[in-house]
Amino acid sequence: AAIRFISSEDGSPYILSFTLPGYQGAVLARMLTERGIHIGTGSACAAESKTPSRVLTAMGLTSSEAYGALRVSFGPENRESDIDDLLDALTAVLAEY
């Protein structure tokens, strides 16, 4: 799957936003939750919307990219192994999708 990073270099170092065009971010987030990985979709101000995030489309993302957007938040309690767990779970979920 092609990943497009949305987060800017001057954005928060604790939030990673990316999109997987062709996938539904909400479906991926639910599948990841079933594996114990809790992440968000889209932008925080439009997480539950049925339409593409106007924030993400204003940033130049297509509707497909906006629907495929995922948002991962990190904090001081996260370990490097948590990132490995996320990548492993995301790889498995994409294979099941």
PDB file of N, CA and C in Angstrom:
ATOM      1  N   ALA A   1       0.845  -1.193   0.000  1.00  0.00           N
ATOM      2  CA  ALA A   1       0.000   0.000   0.000  1.00  0.00           C
ATOM      3  C   ALA A   1       0.883   1.247   0.000  1.00  0.00           C
ATOM      4  N   ALA A   2       0.470   2.225  -0.760  1.00  0.00           N
ATOM      5  CA  ALA A   2       1.200   3.489  -0.816  1.00  0.00           C
ATOM      6  C   ALA A   2       0.781   4.357   0.361  1.00  0.00           C
ATOM      7  N   ILE A   3       1.748   4.840   1.097  1.00  0.00           N
ATOM      8  CA  ILE A   3       1.482   5.711   2.243  1.00  0.00           C
ATOM      9  C   ILE A   3       1.892   7.122   1.879  1.00  0.00           C
ATOM     10  N   ARG A   4       1.015   8.073   2.179  1.00  0.00           N
ATOM     11  CA  ARG A   4       1.351   9.489   2.009  1.00  0.00           C
ATOM     12  C   ARG A   4       1.306  10.117   3.391  1.00  0.00           C
ATOM     13  N   PHE A   5       2.416  10.672   3.828  1.00  0.00           N
ATOM     14  CA  PHE A   5       2.456  11.323   5.131  1.00  0.00           C
ATOM     15  C   PHE A   5       1.820  12.704   5.023  1.00  0.00           C
ATOM     16  N   ILE A   6       0.956  13.012   5.972  1.00  0.00           N
ATOM     17  CA  ILE A   6       0.243  14.278   5.999  1.00  0.00           C
ATOM     18  C   ILE A   6       0.913  15.252   6.967  1.00  0.00           C
ATOM     19  N   SER A   7       1.454  14.731   8.048  1.00  0.00           N
ATOM     20  CA  SER A   7       2.077  15.582   9.058  1.00  0.00           C
ATOM     21  C   SER A   7       3.174  16.435   8.440  1.00  0.00           C
ATOM     22  N   SER A   8       3.220  17.682   8.861  1.00  0.00           N
ATOM     23  CA  SER A   8       4.275  18.561   8.365  1.00  0.00           C
ATOM     24  C   SER A   8       5.458  18.527   9.322  1.00  0.00           C
ATOM     25  N   GLU A   9       6.611  18.884   8.817  1.00  0.00           N
ATOM     26  CA  GLU A   9       7.823  18.871   9.643  1.00  0.00           C
ATOM     27  C   GLU A   9       7.739  19.844  10.806  1.00  0.00           C
ATOM     28  N   ASP A  10       6.970  20.918  10.647  1.00  0.00           N
ATOM     29  CA  ASP A  10       6.860  21.897  11.727  1.00  0.00           C
ATOM     30  C   ASP A  10       5.619  21.667  12.591  1.00  0.00           C
ATOM     31  N   GLY A  11       4.952  20.521  12.408  1.00  0.00           N
ATOM     32  CA  GLY A  11       3.777  20.183  13.218  1.00  0.00           C
ATOM     33  C   GLY A  11       4.177  19.549  14.547  1.00  0.00           C
ATOM     34  N   SER A  12       3.190  19.084  15.265  1.00  0.00           N
ATOM     35  CA  SER A  12       3.430  18.446  16.557  1.00  0.00           C
ATOM     36  C   SER A  12       4.296  17.199  16.395  1.00  0.00           C
ATOM     37  N   PRO A  13       5.319  17.057  17.220  1.00  0.00           N
ATOM     38  CA  PRO A  13       6.143  15.859  17.143  1.00  0.00           C
ATOM     39  C   PRO A  13       5.455  14.643  17.777  1.00  0.00           C
ATOM     40  N   TYR A  14       4.283  14.843  18.366  1.00  0.00           N
ATOM     41  CA  TYR A  14       3.572  13.776  19.060  1.00  0.00           C
ATOM     42  C   TYR A  14       2.417  13.200  18.253  1.00  0.00           C
ATOM     43  N   ILE A  15       2.190  13.735  17.055  1.00  0.00           N
ATOM     44  CA  ILE A  15       1.094  13.262  16.215  1.00  0.00           C
ATOM     45  C   ILE A  15       1.627  12.962  14.828  1.00  0.00           C
ATOM     46  N   LEU A  16       1.333  11.762  14.340  1.00  0.00           N
ATOM     47  CA  LEU A  16       1.711  11.365  12.992  1.00  0.00           C
ATOM     48  C   LEU A  16       0.423  11.125  12.211  1.00  0.00           C
ATOM     49  N   SER A  17       0.228  11.876  11.155  1.00  0.00           N
ATOM     50  CA  SER A  17      -0.921  11.696  10.275  1.00  0.00           C
ATOM     51  C   SER A  17      -0.434  11.200   8.929  1.00  0.00           C
ATOM     52  N   PHE A  18      -1.141  10.199   8.420  1.00  0.00           N
ATOM     53  CA  PHE A  18      -0.801   9.655   7.112  1.00  0.00           C
ATOM     54  C   PHE A  18      -2.068   9.109   6.471  1.00  0.00           C
ATOM     55  N   THR A  19      -1.989   8.849   5.185  1.00  0.00           N
ATOM     56  CA  THR A  19      -3.139   8.316   4.485  1.00  0.00           C
ATOM     57  C   THR A  19      -2.744   7.099   3.665  1.00  0.00           C
ATOM     58  N   LEU A  20      -3.692   6.210   3.554  1.00  0.00           N
ATOM     59  CA  LEU A  20      -3.561   5.029   2.720  1.00  0.00           C
ATOM     60  C   LEU A  20      -4.691   5.092   1.687  1.00  0.00           C
ATOM     61  N   PRO A  21      -4.469   5.791   0.580  1.00  0.00           N
ATOM     62  CA  PRO A  21      -5.531   5.942  -0.429  1.00  0.00           C
ATOM     63  C   PRO A  21      -6.038   4.576  -0.895  1.00  0.00           C
ATOM     64  N   GLY A  22      -7.345   4.494  -1.074  1.00  0.00           N
ATOM     65  CA  GLY A  22      -7.949   3.238  -1.488  1.00  0.00           C
ATOM     66  C   GLY A  22      -8.454   2.410  -0.321  1.00  0.00           C
ATOM     67  N   TYR A  23      -8.111   2.793   0.875  1.00  0.00           N
ATOM     68  CA  TYR A  23      -8.587   2.131   2.091  1.00  0.00           C
ATOM     69  C   TYR A  23      -9.474   3.112   2.855  1.00  0.00           C
ATOM     70  N   GLN A  24     -10.386   2.602   3.646  1.00  0.00           N
ATOM     71  CA  GLN A  24     -11.206   3.439   4.513  1.00  0.00           C
ATOM     72  C   GLN A  24     -10.518   3.516   5.872  1.00  0.00           C
ATOM     73  N   GLY A  25     -10.106   4.717   6.264  1.00  0.00           N
ATOM     74  CA  GLY A  25      -9.423   4.897   7.536  1.00  0.00           C
ATOM     75  C   GLY A  25     -10.240   4.395   8.709  1.00  0.00           C
ATOM     76  N   ALA A  26     -11.564   4.619   8.683  1.00  0.00           N
ATOM     77  CA  ALA A  26     -12.418   4.186   9.793  1.00  0.00           C
ATOM     78  C   ALA A  26     -12.421   2.661   9.926  1.00  0.00           C
ATOM     79  N   VAL A  27     -12.428   1.967   8.802  1.00  0.00           N
ATOM     80  CA  VAL A  27     -12.403   0.501   8.831  1.00  0.00           C
ATOM     81  C   VAL A  27     -11.058   0.021   9.369  1.00  0.00           C
ATOM     82  N   LEU A  28      -9.974   0.618   8.888  1.00  0.00           N
ATOM     83  CA  LEU A  28      -8.647   0.243   9.370  1.00  0.00           C
ATOM     84  C   LEU A  28      -8.523   0.500  10.873  1.00  0.00           C
ATOM     85  N   ALA A  29      -9.040   1.639  11.329  1.00  0.00           N
ATOM     86  CA  ALA A  29      -8.964   1.971  12.759  1.00  0.00           C
ATOM     87  C   ALA A  29      -9.713   0.936  13.586  1.00  0.00           C
ATOM     88  N   ARG A  30     -10.896   0.505  13.122  1.00  0.00           N
ATOM     89  CA  ARG A  30     -11.652  -0.529  13.851  1.00  0.00           C
ATOM     90  C   ARG A  30     -10.899  -1.846  13.879  1.00  0.00           C
ATOM     91  N   MET A  31     -10.317  -2.218  12.739  1.00  0.00           N
ATOM     92  CA  MET A  31      -9.557  -3.466  12.677  1.00  0.00           C
ATOM     93  C   MET A  31      -8.338  -3.413  13.598  1.00  0.00           C
ATOM     94  N   LEU A  32      -7.697  -2.257  13.655  1.00  0.00           N
ATOM     95  CA  LEU A  32      -6.545  -2.105  14.548  1.00  0.00           C
ATOM     96  C   LEU A  32      -6.974  -2.147  16.010  1.00  0.00           C
ATOM     97  N   THR A  33      -8.126  -1.558  16.321  1.00  0.00           N
ATOM     98  CA  THR A  33      -8.636  -1.587  17.694  1.00  0.00           C
ATOM     99  C   THR A  33      -8.839  -3.031  18.145  1.00  0.00           C
ATOM    100  N   GLU A  34      -9.324  -3.872  17.255  1.00  0.00           N
ATOM    101  CA  GLU A  34      -9.510  -5.290  17.577  1.00  0.00           C
ATOM    102  C   GLU A  34      -8.183  -5.964  17.917  1.00  0.00           C
ATOM    103  N   ARG A  35      -7.083  -5.374  17.485  1.00  0.00           N
ATOM    104  CA  ARG A  35      -5.744  -5.902  17.776  1.00  0.00           C
ATOM    105  C   ARG A  35      -5.063  -5.140  18.916  1.00  0.00           C
ATOM    106  N   GLY A  36      -5.823  -4.253  19.566  1.00  0.00           N
ATOM    107  CA  GLY A  36      -5.286  -3.525  20.709  1.00  0.00           C
ATOM    108  C   GLY A  36      -4.553  -2.245  20.363  1.00  0.00           C
ATOM    109  N   ILE A  37      -4.648  -1.811  19.104  1.00  0.00           N
ATOM    110  CA  ILE A  37      -4.007  -0.570  18.661  1.00  0.00           C
ATOM    111  C   ILE A  37      -5.105   0.471  18.482  1.00  0.00           C
ATOM    112  N   HIS A  38      -5.030   1.561  19.223  1.00  0.00           N
ATOM    113  CA  HIS A  38      -6.072   2.586  19.191  1.00  0.00           C
ATOM    114  C   HIS A  38      -5.528   3.850  18.537  1.00  0.00           C
ATOM    115  N   ILE A  39      -6.065   4.162  17.345  1.00  0.00           N
ATOM    116  CA  ILE A  39      -5.656   5.351  16.609  1.00  0.00           C
ATOM    117  C   ILE A  39      -6.901   6.074  16.117  1.00  0.00           C
ATOM    118  N   GLY A  40      -6.711   7.281  15.617  1.00  0.00           N
ATOM    119  CA  GLY A  40      -7.826   8.068  15.110  1.00  0.00           C
ATOM    120  C   GLY A  40      -7.834   8.083  13.595  1.00  0.00           C
ATOM    121  N   THR A  41      -8.893   8.698  13.062  1.00  0.00           N
ATOM    122  CA  THR A  41      -9.022   8.838  11.617  1.00  0.00           C
ATOM    123  C   THR A  41      -9.117  10.311  11.263  1.00  0.00           C
ATOM    124  N   GLY A  42      -8.760  10.632  10.038  1.00  0.00           N
ATOM    125  CA  GLY A  42      -8.920  11.994   9.546  1.00  0.00           C
ATOM    126  C   GLY A  42      -8.250  13.033  10.416  1.00  0.00           C
ATOM    127  N   SER A  43      -8.871  14.186  10.473  1.00  0.00           N
ATOM    128  CA  SER A  43      -8.390  15.237  11.362  1.00  0.00           C
ATOM    129  C   SER A  43      -9.236  15.202  12.621  1.00  0.00           C
ATOM    130  N   ALA A  44      -8.719  15.677  13.703  1.00  0.00           N
ATOM    131  CA  ALA A  44      -9.423  15.598  14.980  1.00  0.00           C
ATOM    132  C   ALA A  44     -10.780  16.284  14.935  1.00  0.00           C
ATOM    133  N   CYS A  45     -10.920  17.321  14.126  1.00  0.00           N
ATOM    134  CA  CYS A  45     -12.176  18.071  14.098  1.00  0.00           C
ATOM    135  C   CYS A  45     -13.221  17.437  13.190  1.00  0.00           C
ATOM    136  N   ALA A  46     -12.909  16.313  12.528  1.00  0.00           N
ATOM    137  CA  ALA A  46     -13.883  15.679  11.643  1.00  0.00           C
ATOM    138  C   ALA A  46     -13.847  14.163  11.751  1.00  0.00           C
ATOM    139  N   ALA A  47     -13.452  13.657  12.902  1.00  0.00           N
ATOM    140  CA  ALA A  47     -13.224  12.227  13.052  1.00  0.00           C
ATOM    141  C   ALA A  47     -14.472  11.382  12.827  1.00  0.00           C
ATOM    142  N   GLU A  48     -15.656  11.883  13.145  1.00  0.00           N
ATOM    143  CA  GLU A  48     -16.872  11.086  13.021  1.00  0.00           C
ATOM    144  C   GLU A  48     -17.700  11.445  11.790  1.00  0.00           C
ATOM    145  N   SER A  49     -17.212  12.288  10.935  1.00  0.00           N
ATOM    146  CA  SER A  49     -17.965  12.765   9.786  1.00  0.00           C
ATOM    147  C   SER A  49     -18.069  11.692   8.709  1.00  0.00           C
ATOM    148  N   LYS A  50     -19.181  11.697   7.975  1.00  0.00           N
ATOM    149  CA  LYS A  50     -19.383  10.773   6.860  1.00  0.00           C
ATOM    150  C   LYS A  50     -18.863  11.362   5.544  1.00  0.00           C
ATOM    151  N   THR A  51     -18.419  12.585   5.558  1.00  0.00           N
ATOM    152  CA  THR A  51     -17.854  13.223   4.371  1.00  0.00           C
ATOM    153  C   THR A  51     -16.360  13.414   4.594  1.00  0.00           C
ATOM    154  N   PRO A  52     -15.603  13.578   3.511  1.00  0.00           N
ATOM    155  CA  PRO A  52     -14.161  13.783   3.684  1.00  0.00           C
ATOM    156  C   PRO A  52     -13.889  15.016   4.548  1.00  0.00           C
ATOM    157  N   SER A  53     -12.866  14.945   5.327  1.00  0.00           N
ATOM    158  CA  SER A  53     -12.491  16.070   6.185  1.00  0.00           C
ATOM    159  C   SER A  53     -12.210  17.302   5.331  1.00  0.00           C
ATOM    160  N   ARG A  54     -12.913  18.394   5.611  1.00  0.00           N
ATOM    161  CA  ARG A  54     -12.675  19.623   4.856  1.00  0.00           C
ATOM    162  C   ARG A  54     -11.296  20.183   5.174  1.00  0.00           C
ATOM    163  N   VAL A  55     -10.780  19.877   6.354  1.00  0.00           N
ATOM    164  CA  VAL A  55      -9.427  20.308   6.698  1.00  0.00           C
ATOM    165  C   VAL A  55      -8.414  19.591   5.801  1.00  0.00           C
ATOM    166  N   LEU A  56      -8.578  18.286   5.653  1.00  0.00           N
ATOM    167  CA  LEU A  56      -7.644  17.520   4.832  1.00  0.00           C
ATOM    168  C   LEU A  56      -7.784  17.851   3.350  1.00  0.00           C
ATOM    169  N   THR A  57      -9.012  18.047   2.880  1.00  0.00           N
ATOM    170  CA  THR A  57      -9.166  18.410   1.472  1.00  0.00           C
ATOM    171  C   THR A  57      -8.631  19.821   1.219  1.00  0.00           C
ATOM    172  N   ALA A  58      -8.759  20.715   2.194  1.00  0.00           N
ATOM    173  CA  ALA A  58      -8.191  22.063   2.054  1.00  0.00           C
ATOM    174  C   ALA A  58      -6.660  22.008   2.010  1.00  0.00           C
ATOM    175  N   MET A  59      -6.090  20.958   2.597  1.00  0.00           N
ATOM    176  CA  MET A  59      -4.641  20.775   2.566  1.00  0.00           C
ATOM    177  C   MET A  59      -4.180  20.161   1.244  1.00  0.00           C
ATOM    178  N   GLY A  60      -5.140  19.866   0.350  1.00  0.00           N
ATOM    179  CA  GLY A  60      -4.789  19.346  -0.955  1.00  0.00           C
ATOM    180  C   GLY A  60      -4.978  17.852  -1.132  1.00  0.00           C
ATOM    181  N   LEU A  61      -5.524  17.150  -0.134  1.00  0.00           N
ATOM    182  CA  LEU A  61      -5.760  15.726  -0.271  1.00  0.00           C
ATOM    183  C   LEU A  61      -7.008  15.484  -1.105  1.00  0.00           C
ATOM    184  N   THR A  62      -6.981  14.428  -1.885  1.00  0.00           N
ATOM    185  CA  THR A  62      -8.169  14.025  -2.628  1.00  0.00           C
ATOM    186  C   THR A  62      -9.166  13.400  -1.650  1.00  0.00           C
ATOM    187  N   SER A  63     -10.393  13.187  -2.098  1.00  0.00           N
ATOM    188  CA  SER A  63     -11.395  12.533  -1.243  1.00  0.00           C
ATOM    189  C   SER A  63     -10.908  11.152  -0.808  1.00  0.00           C
ATOM    190  N   SER A  64     -10.321  10.402  -1.729  1.00  0.00           N
ATOM    191  CA  SER A  64      -9.812   9.068  -1.407  1.00  0.00           C
ATOM    192  C   SER A  64      -8.725   9.136  -0.337  1.00  0.00           C
ATOM    193  N   GLU A  65      -7.840  10.110  -0.463  1.00  0.00           N
ATOM    194  CA  GLU A  65      -6.776  10.265   0.541  1.00  0.00           C
ATOM    195  C   GLU A  65      -7.366  10.678   1.890  1.00  0.00           C
ATOM    196  N   ALA A  66      -8.338  11.583   1.875  1.00  0.00           N
ATOM    197  CA  ALA A  66      -8.945  12.044   3.122  1.00  0.00           C
ATOM    198  C   ALA A  66      -9.679  10.911   3.829  1.00  0.00           C
ATOM    199  N   TYR A  67     -10.401  10.077   3.071  1.00  0.00           N
ATOM    200  CA  TYR A  67     -11.100   8.938   3.680  1.00  0.00           C
ATOM    201  C   TYR A  67     -10.119   7.907   4.234  1.00  0.00           C
ATOM    202  N   GLY A  68      -8.941   7.816   3.656  1.00  0.00           N
ATOM    203  CA  GLY A  68      -7.948   6.841   4.104  1.00  0.00           C
ATOM    204  C   GLY A  68      -7.021   7.356   5.183  1.00  0.00           C
ATOM    205  N   ALA A  69      -7.283   8.550   5.702  1.00  0.00           N
ATOM    206  CA  ALA A  69      -6.373   9.174   6.671  1.00  0.00           C
ATOM    207  C   ALA A  69      -6.456   8.517   8.049  1.00  0.00           C
ATOM    208  N   LEU A  70      -5.298   8.378   8.658  1.00  0.00           N
ATOM    209  CA  LEU A  70      -5.169   7.861  10.023  1.00  0.00           C
ATOM    210  C   LEU A  70      -4.293   8.811  10.820  1.00  0.00           C
ATOM    211  N   ARG A  71      -4.564   8.889  12.117  1.00  0.00           N
ATOM    212  CA  ARG A  71      -3.848   9.802  13.005  1.00  0.00           C
ATOM    213  C   ARG A  71      -3.373   9.014  14.220  1.00  0.00           C
ATOM    214  N   VAL A  72      -2.065   9.011  14.448  1.00  0.00           N
ATOM    215  CA  VAL A  72      -1.465   8.285  15.560  1.00  0.00           C
ATOM    216  C   VAL A  72      -0.886   9.309  16.531  1.00  0.00           C
ATOM    217  N   SER A  73      -1.267   9.190  17.787  1.00  0.00           N
ATOM    218  CA  SER A  73      -0.737  10.093  18.823  1.00  0.00           C
ATOM    219  C   SER A  73       0.254   9.337  19.682  1.00  0.00           C
ATOM    220  N   PHE A  74       1.322  10.012  20.029  1.00  0.00           N
ATOM    221  CA  PHE A  74       2.371   9.431  20.869  1.00  0.00           C
ATOM    222  C   PHE A  74       2.517  10.251  22.138  1.00  0.00           C
ATOM    223  N   GLY A  75       2.935   9.603  23.190  1.00  0.00           N
ATOM    224  CA  GLY A  75       3.169  10.283  24.456  1.00  0.00           C
ATOM    225  C   GLY A  75       4.397   9.715  25.127  1.00  0.00           C
ATOM    226  N   PRO A  76       4.743  10.274  26.271  1.00  0.00           N
ATOM    227  CA  PRO A  76       5.962   9.841  26.958  1.00  0.00           C
ATOM    228  C   PRO A  76       5.928   8.381  27.402  1.00  0.00           C
ATOM    229  N   GLU A  77       4.736   7.810  27.526  1.00  0.00           N
ATOM    230  CA  GLU A  77       4.644   6.417  27.966  1.00  0.00           C
ATOM    231  C   GLU A  77       4.862   5.421  26.823  1.00  0.00           C
ATOM    232  N   ASN A  78       4.876   5.898  25.579  1.00  0.00           N
ATOM    233  CA  ASN A  78       5.097   5.006  24.450  1.00  0.00           C
ATOM    234  C   ASN A  78       6.546   4.558  24.395  1.00  0.00           C
ATOM    235  N   ARG A  79       6.709   3.306  23.954  1.00  0.00           N
ATOM    236  CA  ARG A  79       8.048   2.726  23.796  1.00  0.00           C
ATOM    237  C   ARG A  79       8.276   2.421  22.313  1.00  0.00           C
ATOM    238  N   GLU A  80       9.501   2.202  21.947  1.00  0.00           N
ATOM    239  CA  GLU A  80       9.813   1.853  20.570  1.00  0.00           C
ATOM    240  C   GLU A  80       9.076   0.585  20.156  1.00  0.00           C
ATOM    241  N   SER A  81       8.888  -0.327  21.098  1.00  0.00           N
ATOM    242  CA  SER A  81       8.172  -1.564  20.787  1.00  0.00           C
ATOM    243  C   SER A  81       6.708  -1.292  20.426  1.00  0.00           C
ATOM    244  N   ASP A  82       6.132  -0.194  20.935  1.00  0.00           N
ATOM    245  CA  ASP A  82       4.758   0.170  20.561  1.00  0.00           C
ATOM    246  C   ASP A  82       4.672   0.506  19.072  1.00  0.00           C
ATOM    247  N   ILE A  83       5.706   1.144  18.557  1.00  0.00           N
ATOM    248  CA  ILE A  83       5.741   1.471  17.129  1.00  0.00           C
ATOM    249  C   ILE A  83       5.866   0.195  16.314  1.00  0.00           C
ATOM    250  N   ASP A  84       6.709  -0.727  16.776  1.00  0.00           N
ATOM    251  CA  ASP A  84       6.826  -2.022  16.099  1.00  0.00           C
ATOM    252  C   ASP A  84       5.488  -2.747  16.098  1.00  0.00           C
ATOM    253  N   ASP A  85       4.765  -2.706  17.239  1.00  0.00           N
ATOM    254  CA  ASP A  85       3.449  -3.349  17.333  1.00  0.00           C
ATOM    255  C   ASP A  85       2.465  -2.715  16.351  1.00  0.00           C
ATOM    256  N   LEU A  86       2.489  -1.383  16.246  1.00  0.00           N
ATOM    257  CA  LEU A  86       1.618  -0.688  15.298  1.00  0.00           C
ATOM    258  C   LEU A  86       1.920  -1.132  13.869  1.00  0.00           C
ATOM    259  N   LEU A  87       3.178  -1.155  13.497  1.00  0.00           N
ATOM    260  CA  LEU A  87       3.556  -1.543  12.136  1.00  0.00           C
ATOM    261  C   LEU A  87       3.181  -2.988  11.840  1.00  0.00           C
ATOM    262  N   ASP A  88       3.379  -3.877  12.798  1.00  0.00           N
ATOM    263  CA  ASP A  88       3.011  -5.276  12.618  1.00  0.00           C
ATOM    264  C   ASP A  88       1.502  -5.417  12.439  1.00  0.00           C
ATOM    265  N   ALA A  89       0.734  -4.736  13.297  1.00  0.00           N
ATOM    266  CA  ALA A  89      -0.725  -4.807  13.224  1.00  0.00           C
ATOM    267  C   ALA A  89      -1.231  -4.186  11.932  1.00  0.00           C
ATOM    268  N   LEU A  90      -0.670  -3.055  11.534  1.00  0.00           N
ATOM    269  CA  LEU A  90      -1.109  -2.410  10.294  1.00  0.00           C
ATOM    270  C   LEU A  90      -0.819  -3.280   9.094  1.00  0.00           C
ATOM    271  N   THR A  91       0.327  -3.913   9.069  1.00  0.00           N
ATOM    272  CA  THR A  91       0.678  -4.837   7.975  1.00  0.00           C
ATOM    273  C   THR A  91      -0.335  -5.971   7.897  1.00  0.00           C
ATOM    274  N   ALA A  92      -0.689  -6.547   9.049  1.00  0.00           N
ATOM    275  CA  ALA A  92      -1.650  -7.655   9.084  1.00  0.00           C
ATOM    276  C   ALA A  92      -3.030  -7.205   8.647  1.00  0.00           C
ATOM    277  N   VAL A  93      -3.439  -6.014   9.117  1.00  0.00           N
ATOM    278  CA  VAL A  93      -4.769  -5.498   8.785  1.00  0.00           C
ATOM    279  C   VAL A  93      -4.871  -5.212   7.285  1.00  0.00           C
ATOM    280  N   LEU A  94      -3.840  -4.636   6.715  1.00  0.00           N
ATOM    281  CA  LEU A  94      -3.869  -4.343   5.279  1.00  0.00           C
ATOM    282  C   LEU A  94      -3.946  -5.641   4.468  1.00  0.00           C
ATOM    283  N   ALA A  95      -3.317  -6.703   4.943  1.00  0.00           N
ATOM    284  CA  ALA A  95      -3.381  -7.986   4.247  1.00  0.00           C
ATOM    285  C   ALA A  95      -4.779  -8.590   4.327  1.00  0.00           C
ATOM    286  N   GLU A  96      -5.509  -8.311   5.408  1.00  0.00           N
ATOM    287  CA  GLU A  96      -6.872  -8.830   5.604  1.00  0.00           C
ATOM    288  C   GLU A  96      -7.921  -7.986   4.909  1.00  0.00           C
ATOM    289  N   TYR A  97      -7.645  -6.732   4.651  1.00  0.00           N
ATOM    290  CA  TYR A  97      -8.629  -5.769   4.161  1.00  0.00           C
ATOM    291  C   TYR A  97      -9.328  -6.236   2.907  1.00  0.00           C
TER     292      TYR A  97
END
